[in-house]
Amino acid sequence: MSETFPSQPEVSRPTMIDVARRAGVGLGTVSRVVNGGHGVRDETAQRVRAAIDELGFQRNEVARALRPGKKSTSLALVLGDLTNPFYASIAKASLEVAGQSGFAVVLGSVDEDPEGEKRAIQELVSRQVAGLMIVPDQGDHAFLQGAGVPVVFVDRPATGIDADIVMVDNEGGGRIAAEHLLEQGHERIAIILAPSYYTIGRRLRGFRRAHRAAGIEVDESLVIQLPEGNAEAAEKATREVMLRPDPPTAIFSSTNFLTEGVLRALGELGREPAVVGFDDFRLADMLPTPVTVVASDIAELGRSAARLLLDRASGADTRPPQRIVLPCALIERGSGERPPDSAGKRSSR
């Protein structure tokens, strides 16, 4: 079962989050009142119903069809743009794990929109899902404290709530990339950064750690923060930095989308600095000079999150919130092994 929630609704309507705020209760309490559940004090239930009447809230029709007390066999996954291979890999892997246990997965795609994410989660909670997997945006997730279902965050932690998280060792990956380039003799390494989400900040931290360990100072003019995390922005920034009087001899690209832009600019300029990208991408090993990358098992993010959520939903795992960190590894293919004196040469391609 798959649905995509729009970033902006056509018509603004009150949500269960609005009701919870008006009544001064948790989201889970509102869900139980709306769906006829038990365990809510009469006084609290009356306050929730009053808030519903004041706001004109109408519960979701799918939730209306669910019988009170019916055990859900659905999980929910809220993530970004499904056209992004990163998110698609997480979704596919979590669907497989859930399916093996007889669970369906409802997908919500909100693409870095905090308010859209809240609306999607409200909708999913109203469907009485057994648990939530969320690739969180940068907003405050304290509203999930009273959701009444287990929550596992994927790829990056959330603020305002202590919950399970499954993520990649971003700091370790950034350190590995920089160490590799430093070992090749590079001392002027540019790092191209997407807008500063948690993951990118950790990759930069690892990059800096490797320099400190090597006793080499990071040139801050080569720490390039992009206004947008797309290939076009990376292409423009790469062109500008490589046309400086003293360009870098190596480039570390912090995402696969950015790496594509970096390579396009270098091809147009005919320059061949060393390049290491974070995250693999299709055909990276098929280019004239195959691209060296720091890679992790993205599908395992989805599998691990789904397994953990299923254990939480069934009651098999009652431990305090867990932090699962998956390792990264360097895949040497050629672009990251160029010596410093190759950076200014024009490519023969």
Protein backbone atom coordinates (compact mmCIF):
# COMPACT_ATOMS: atom_id res chain seq x y z
CA MET A 1 0.00 0.00 0.00
CA SER A 2 1.61 3.26 -1.03
CA GLU A 3 0.48 6.84 -0.80
CA THR A 4 2.22 10.17 -1.26
CA PHE A 5 1.22 13.05 0.96
CA PRO A 6 1.42 16.49 -0.67
CA SER A 7 3.77 19.05 0.82
CA GLN A 8 0.98 21.63 0.85
CA PRO A 9 -2.69 20.69 1.18
CA GLU A 10 -5.16 22.25 -1.16
CA VAL A 11 -7.45 23.12 1.74
CA SER A 12 -6.26 23.85 5.26
CA ARG A 13 -8.13 21.72 7.77
CA PRO A 14 -7.59 20.99 11.45
CA THR A 15 -5.54 17.90 12.26
CA MET A 16 -5.24 15.68 15.30
CA ILE A 17 -2.06 17.59 16.15
CA ASP A 18 -4.17 20.77 16.33
CA VAL A 19 -6.71 19.01 18.54
CA ALA A 20 -3.93 17.74 20.84
CA ARG A 21 -2.53 21.23 21.22
CA ARG A 22 -5.95 22.77 21.91
CA ALA A 23 -6.83 20.07 24.48
CA GLY A 24 -3.35 20.02 26.04
CA VAL A 25 -2.90 16.28 25.59
CA GLY A 26 -0.72 13.91 23.59
CA LEU A 27 -1.37 12.82 20.03
CA GLY A 28 -1.98 9.24 21.15
CA THR A 29 -4.70 10.39 23.54
CA VAL A 30 -6.53 12.18 20.74
CA SER A 31 -6.19 9.10 18.52
CA ARG A 32 -7.76 6.87 21.19
CA VAL A 33 -10.67 9.25 21.71
CA VAL A 34 -11.26 9.69 17.97
CA ASN A 35 -11.11 5.96 17.28
CA GLY A 36 -13.14 4.79 20.26
CA GLY A 37 -10.22 3.34 22.20
CA HIS A 38 -10.06 2.84 25.97
CA GLY A 39 -7.73 4.07 28.69
CA VAL A 40 -8.64 7.78 28.59
CA ARG A 41 -10.14 9.44 31.66
CA ASP A 42 -13.61 10.89 31.18
CA GLU A 43 -12.47 14.41 32.00
CA THR A 44 -9.65 14.20 29.45
CA ALA A 45 -11.92 12.66 26.81
CA GLN A 46 -14.43 15.48 27.28
CA ARG A 47 -11.67 18.05 26.85
CA VAL A 48 -10.57 16.35 23.62
CA ARG A 49 -14.14 16.22 22.28
CA ALA A 50 -14.59 19.91 23.11
CA ALA A 51 -11.43 20.73 21.15
CA ILE A 52 -12.71 18.63 18.24
CA ASP A 53 -15.99 20.58 18.21
CA GLU A 54 -14.25 23.95 18.50
CA LEU A 55 -11.86 23.22 15.64
CA GLY A 56 -14.32 21.36 13.44
CA PHE A 57 -11.97 18.38 13.18
CA GLN A 58 -13.16 15.39 11.14
CA ARG A 59 -11.35 12.09 11.49
CA ASN A 60 -10.01 10.23 8.50
CA GLU A 61 -12.52 7.96 6.77
CA VAL A 62 -10.10 5.07 6.65
CA ALA A 63 -9.65 5.26 10.40
CA ARG A 64 -13.46 5.42 10.77
CA ALA A 65 -13.72 2.03 9.08
CA LEU A 66 -11.30 0.36 11.49
CA ARG A 67 -12.92 -1.58 14.32
CA PRO A 68 -11.90 -0.49 17.85
CA GLY A 69 -9.39 -2.94 19.26
CA LYS A 70 -8.44 -4.35 15.87
CA LYS A 71 -4.73 -5.16 15.80
CA SER A 72 -2.96 -3.37 12.98
CA THR A 73 -0.76 -5.25 10.53
CA SER A 74 0.56 -2.07 8.90
CA LEU A 75 3.70 -0.06 9.48
CA ALA A 76 4.28 3.46 8.21
CA LEU A 77 7.36 4.90 6.54
CA VAL A 78 7.70 8.66 6.15
CA LEU A 79 10.58 9.82 3.98
CA GLY A 80 11.67 12.20 1.23
CA ASP A 81 11.37 12.13 -2.54
CA LEU A 82 10.98 8.55 -3.75
CA THR A 83 12.67 9.42 -7.03
CA ASN A 84 15.88 9.72 -4.99
CA PRO A 85 17.58 6.27 -5.13
CA PHE A 86 18.59 6.66 -1.47
CA TYR A 87 14.99 6.81 -0.27
CA ALA A 88 13.84 4.23 -2.78
CA SER A 89 16.40 1.73 -1.44
CA ILE A 90 15.26 2.29 2.14
CA ALA A 91 11.61 1.86 1.15
CA LYS A 92 12.20 -1.32 -0.86
CA ALA A 93 14.22 -2.98 1.90
CA SER A 94 11.73 -2.11 4.67
CA LEU A 95 8.84 -3.38 2.52
CA GLU A 96 10.59 -6.72 2.08
CA VAL A 97 11.26 -7.19 5.81
CA ALA A 98 7.73 -6.16 6.78
CA GLY A 99 6.20 -8.43 4.14
CA GLN A 100 8.09 -11.42 5.49
CA SER A 101 6.33 -10.84 8.82
CA GLY A 102 2.89 -10.34 7.27
CA PHE A 103 2.90 -6.56 7.55
CA ALA A 104 2.11 -3.96 4.91
CA VAL A 105 3.90 -0.60 4.76
CA VAL A 106 2.13 2.70 4.09
CA LEU A 107 4.50 5.21 2.50
CA GLY A 108 4.35 8.95 3.09
CA SER A 109 6.62 11.18 1.00
CA VAL A 110 7.02 14.75 2.27
CA ASP A 111 10.46 15.83 0.96
CA GLU A 112 11.92 17.96 3.77
CA ASP A 113 8.73 19.83 4.67
CA PRO A 114 8.23 19.97 8.49
CA GLU A 115 4.55 20.90 8.33
CA GLY A 116 3.89 18.33 5.61
CA GLU A 117 5.63 15.73 7.74
CA LYS A 118 3.41 16.52 10.73
CA ARG A 119 0.28 16.19 8.61
CA ALA A 120 1.50 12.89 7.17
CA ILE A 121 2.24 11.48 10.62
CA GLN A 122 -1.15 12.63 11.92
CA GLU A 123 -2.82 10.84 9.04
CA LEU A 124 -0.84 7.67 9.62
CA VAL A 125 -1.52 7.62 13.35
CA SER A 126 -5.23 7.99 12.58
CA ARG A 127 -4.98 4.77 10.56
CA GLN A 128 -3.84 2.95 13.69
CA VAL A 129 -0.55 1.74 12.22
CA ALA A 130 1.51 -0.54 14.45
CA GLY A 131 4.56 1.69 14.26
CA LEU A 132 6.33 4.53 12.45
CA MET A 133 9.64 4.65 10.56
CA ILE A 134 10.63 8.24 9.81
CA VAL A 135 13.47 9.89 7.92
CA PRO A 136 13.10 13.14 9.88
CA ASP A 137 13.34 16.71 8.65
CA GLN A 138 14.92 19.47 10.73
CA GLY A 139 11.77 20.32 12.69
CA ASP A 140 10.94 19.59 16.32
CA HIS A 141 9.50 16.10 16.82
CA ALA A 142 8.40 16.54 20.43
CA PHE A 143 4.79 16.15 19.23
CA LEU A 144 5.50 12.43 18.78
CA GLN A 145 5.98 11.92 22.52
CA GLY A 146 2.32 10.93 22.88
CA ALA A 147 1.84 9.17 19.55
CA GLY A 148 1.00 5.88 21.26
CA VAL A 149 3.02 3.79 18.76
CA PRO A 150 6.72 2.88 18.57
CA VAL A 151 8.87 5.15 16.40
CA VAL A 152 12.18 4.40 14.69
CA PHE A 153 14.09 7.22 13.01
CA VAL A 154 16.17 6.44 9.94
CA ASP A 155 19.35 8.12 8.63
CA ARG A 156 19.37 10.96 11.16
CA PRO A 157 18.09 11.54 14.70
CA ALA A 158 15.17 13.79 15.54
CA THR A 159 14.95 16.61 18.05
CA GLY A 160 12.55 16.74 20.97
CA ILE A 161 12.16 12.99 21.45
CA ASP A 162 14.31 10.10 22.64
CA ALA A 163 13.65 7.23 20.22
CA ASP A 164 15.35 4.46 18.26
CA ILE A 165 17.65 5.56 15.43
CA VAL A 166 19.30 3.58 12.63
CA MET A 167 21.93 5.55 10.76
CA VAL A 168 25.17 5.45 8.80
CA ASP A 169 28.53 6.37 10.36
CA ASN A 170 28.64 9.71 8.59
CA GLU A 171 31.50 11.09 10.64
CA GLY A 172 33.56 7.96 10.06
CA GLY A 173 32.82 8.13 6.34
CA GLY A 174 33.96 11.75 6.11
CA ARG A 175 37.14 10.85 7.99
CA ILE A 176 37.87 7.88 5.69
CA ALA A 177 37.49 10.05 2.57
CA ALA A 178 39.81 12.77 3.83
CA GLU A 179 42.37 10.28 5.15
CA HIS A 180 42.53 8.61 1.76
CA LEU A 181 43.12 11.87 -0.10
CA LEU A 182 45.71 13.01 2.44
CA GLU A 183 47.52 9.69 2.06
CA GLN A 184 47.75 10.36 -1.70
CA GLY A 185 49.68 13.54 -0.89
CA HIS A 186 46.85 16.09 -1.22
CA GLU A 187 46.90 19.04 1.17
CA ARG A 188 44.47 21.38 -0.59
CA ILE A 189 41.21 19.43 -0.51
CA ALA A 190 37.90 21.10 -1.27
CA ILE A 191 34.77 19.74 0.38
CA ILE A 192 31.43 20.40 -1.34
CA LEU A 193 28.59 20.44 1.19
CA ALA A 194 24.85 20.14 0.70
CA PRO A 195 22.60 22.32 2.93
CA SER A 196 23.54 21.52 6.50
CA TYR A 197 21.44 18.62 7.65
CA TYR A 198 22.71 16.40 10.46
CA THR A 199 24.37 13.92 8.11
CA ILE A 200 26.34 16.55 6.20
CA GLY A 201 27.54 18.19 9.40
CA ARG A 202 28.89 14.86 10.63
CA ARG A 203 30.70 14.24 7.32
CA LEU A 204 32.37 17.64 7.64
CA ARG A 205 33.34 16.82 11.23
CA GLY A 206 35.03 13.61 10.07
CA PHE A 207 36.81 15.55 7.30
CA ARG A 208 38.20 17.97 9.87
CA ARG A 209 39.24 15.18 12.24
CA ALA A 210 41.34 13.53 9.54
CA HIS A 211 43.15 16.81 8.86
CA ARG A 212 43.87 17.37 12.54
CA ALA A 213 45.24 13.85 12.89
CA ALA A 214 47.53 14.45 9.91
CA GLY A 215 48.68 17.81 11.26
CA ILE A 216 47.34 19.64 8.20
CA GLU A 217 45.13 22.71 8.54
CA VAL A 218 41.86 22.80 6.62
CA ASP A 219 41.74 25.68 4.15
CA GLU A 220 38.41 27.26 5.09
CA SER A 221 38.10 28.85 1.67
CA LEU A 222 37.77 25.31 0.30
CA VAL A 223 34.88 24.41 2.65
CA ILE A 224 32.08 25.17 0.21
CA GLN A 225 28.52 25.29 1.55
CA LEU A 226 25.97 25.15 -1.25
CA PRO A 227 22.63 26.97 -1.11
CA GLU A 228 20.92 23.90 -2.60
CA GLY A 229 21.80 20.22 -2.53
CA ASN A 230 21.58 19.49 -6.24
CA ALA A 231 23.96 18.70 -9.09
CA GLU A 232 23.55 22.15 -10.67
CA ALA A 233 24.73 23.95 -7.53
CA ALA A 234 27.69 21.57 -7.20
CA GLU A 235 28.62 22.05 -10.85
CA LYS A 236 28.65 25.85 -10.46
CA ALA A 237 30.69 25.72 -7.24
CA THR A 238 33.21 23.27 -8.71
CA ARG A 239 33.72 25.42 -11.78
CA GLU A 240 34.34 28.47 -9.60
CA VAL A 241 36.80 26.80 -7.22
CA MET A 242 38.78 25.13 -10.02
CA LEU A 243 39.20 28.48 -11.82
CA ARG A 244 40.83 30.10 -8.80
CA PRO A 245 44.54 31.01 -9.09
CA ASP A 246 45.38 28.26 -6.57
CA PRO A 247 42.72 25.56 -7.06
CA PRO A 248 42.42 22.44 -4.90
CA THR A 249 44.19 19.27 -5.96
CA ALA A 250 41.36 17.09 -4.64
CA ILE A 251 37.61 17.33 -4.04
CA PHE A 252 35.44 15.49 -1.54
CA SER A 253 31.75 15.60 -2.52
CA SER A 254 29.36 15.07 0.38
CA THR A 255 26.47 13.40 -1.55
CA ASN A 256 26.03 11.40 -4.73
CA PHE A 257 23.92 14.12 -6.37
CA LEU A 258 26.71 16.62 -5.75
CA THR A 259 29.31 14.23 -7.14
CA GLU A 260 27.47 14.19 -10.46
CA GLY A 261 27.69 17.98 -10.63
CA VAL A 262 31.37 17.95 -9.66
CA LEU A 263 32.20 15.48 -12.44
CA ARG A 264 30.24 17.45 -15.03
CA ALA A 265 32.14 20.65 -14.22
CA LEU A 266 35.52 18.91 -14.26
CA GLY A 267 34.71 17.35 -17.63
CA GLU A 268 33.84 20.74 -19.10
CA LEU A 269 37.02 22.31 -17.71
CA GLY A 270 39.22 19.38 -18.65
CA ARG A 271 40.69 19.26 -15.12
CA GLU A 272 41.57 16.07 -13.21
CA PRO A 273 41.85 16.64 -9.46
CA ALA A 274 41.34 13.60 -7.28
CA VAL A 275 37.64 13.06 -6.46
CA VAL A 276 35.99 11.05 -3.70
CA GLY A 277 32.22 11.05 -3.33
CA PHE A 278 30.02 10.09 -0.39
CA ASP A 279 27.47 7.39 -1.39
CA ASP A 280 27.71 5.32 -4.51
CA PHE A 281 25.63 6.00 -7.61
CA ARG A 282 24.65 4.23 -10.81
CA LEU A 283 27.40 3.88 -13.43
CA ALA A 284 30.04 5.36 -11.10
CA ASP A 285 32.22 2.36 -11.92
CA MET A 286 31.61 2.69 -15.67
CA LEU A 287 32.94 6.22 -16.24
CA PRO A 288 36.24 6.77 -18.13
CA THR A 289 37.84 7.20 -14.72
CA PRO A 290 35.67 5.20 -12.31
CA VAL A 291 34.68 7.19 -9.22
CA THR A 292 36.11 6.40 -5.80
CA VAL A 293 33.34 6.55 -3.19
CA VAL A 294 32.64 6.12 0.50
CA ALA A 295 29.75 3.67 0.51
CA SER A 296 27.40 2.11 3.03
CA ASP A 297 24.64 -0.46 2.79
CA ILE A 298 21.62 1.82 2.30
CA ALA A 299 19.25 -1.14 1.99
CA GLU A 300 20.42 -2.31 5.43
CA LEU A 301 19.18 0.99 6.86
CA GLY A 302 15.67 0.01 5.77
CA ARG A 303 16.02 -3.61 6.86
CA SER A 304 17.41 -2.75 10.30
CA ALA A 305 14.76 -0.09 10.91
CA ALA A 306 11.93 -2.44 9.92
CA ARG A 307 13.25 -5.30 12.06
CA LEU A 308 13.64 -3.04 15.08
CA LEU A 309 10.18 -1.54 14.61
CA LEU A 310 8.57 -4.97 14.29
CA ASP A 311 10.26 -6.08 17.52
CA ARG A 312 9.03 -2.93 19.28
CA ALA A 313 5.49 -3.30 17.95
CA SER A 314 5.27 -6.94 19.03
CA GLY A 315 6.71 -6.25 22.46
CA ALA A 316 9.69 -8.51 21.83
CA ASP A 317 12.13 -5.62 22.39
CA THR A 318 11.54 -3.48 25.48
CA ARG A 319 15.04 -2.05 25.85
CA PRO A 320 15.67 1.70 26.13
CA PRO A 321 15.95 3.50 22.78
CA GLN A 322 18.69 2.00 20.62
CA ARG A 323 21.24 3.73 18.38
CA ILE A 324 22.32 1.47 15.53
CA VAL A 325 25.22 2.84 13.44
CA LEU A 326 26.13 1.09 10.18
CA PRO A 327 29.74 1.28 8.95
CA CYS A 328 31.09 2.93 5.81
CA ALA A 329 33.84 1.65 3.53
CA LEU A 330 36.03 3.23 0.86
CA ILE A 331 35.75 1.76 -2.64
CA GLU A 332 38.88 2.66 -4.62
CA ARG A 333 38.19 2.93 -8.35
CA GLY A 334 40.62 5.48 -9.74
CA SER A 335 39.33 9.04 -9.32
CA GLY A 336 40.43 9.22 -5.68
CA GLU A 337 43.90 7.85 -6.41
CA ARG A 338 45.14 10.64 -8.69
CA PRO A 339 48.32 12.37 -7.45
CA PRO A 340 48.35 16.10 -6.63
CA ASP A 341 50.25 17.02 -9.81
CA SER A 342 47.38 15.76 -11.98
CA ALA A 343 44.93 18.39 -10.79
CA GLY A 344 45.93 21.10 -13.25
CA LYS A 345 46.19 18.84 -16.28
CA ARG A 346 43.62 18.94 -18.99
CA SER A 347 41.80 15.69 -19.54
CA SER A 348 42.35 13.85 -22.81
CA ARG A 349 38.66 12.86 -22.87
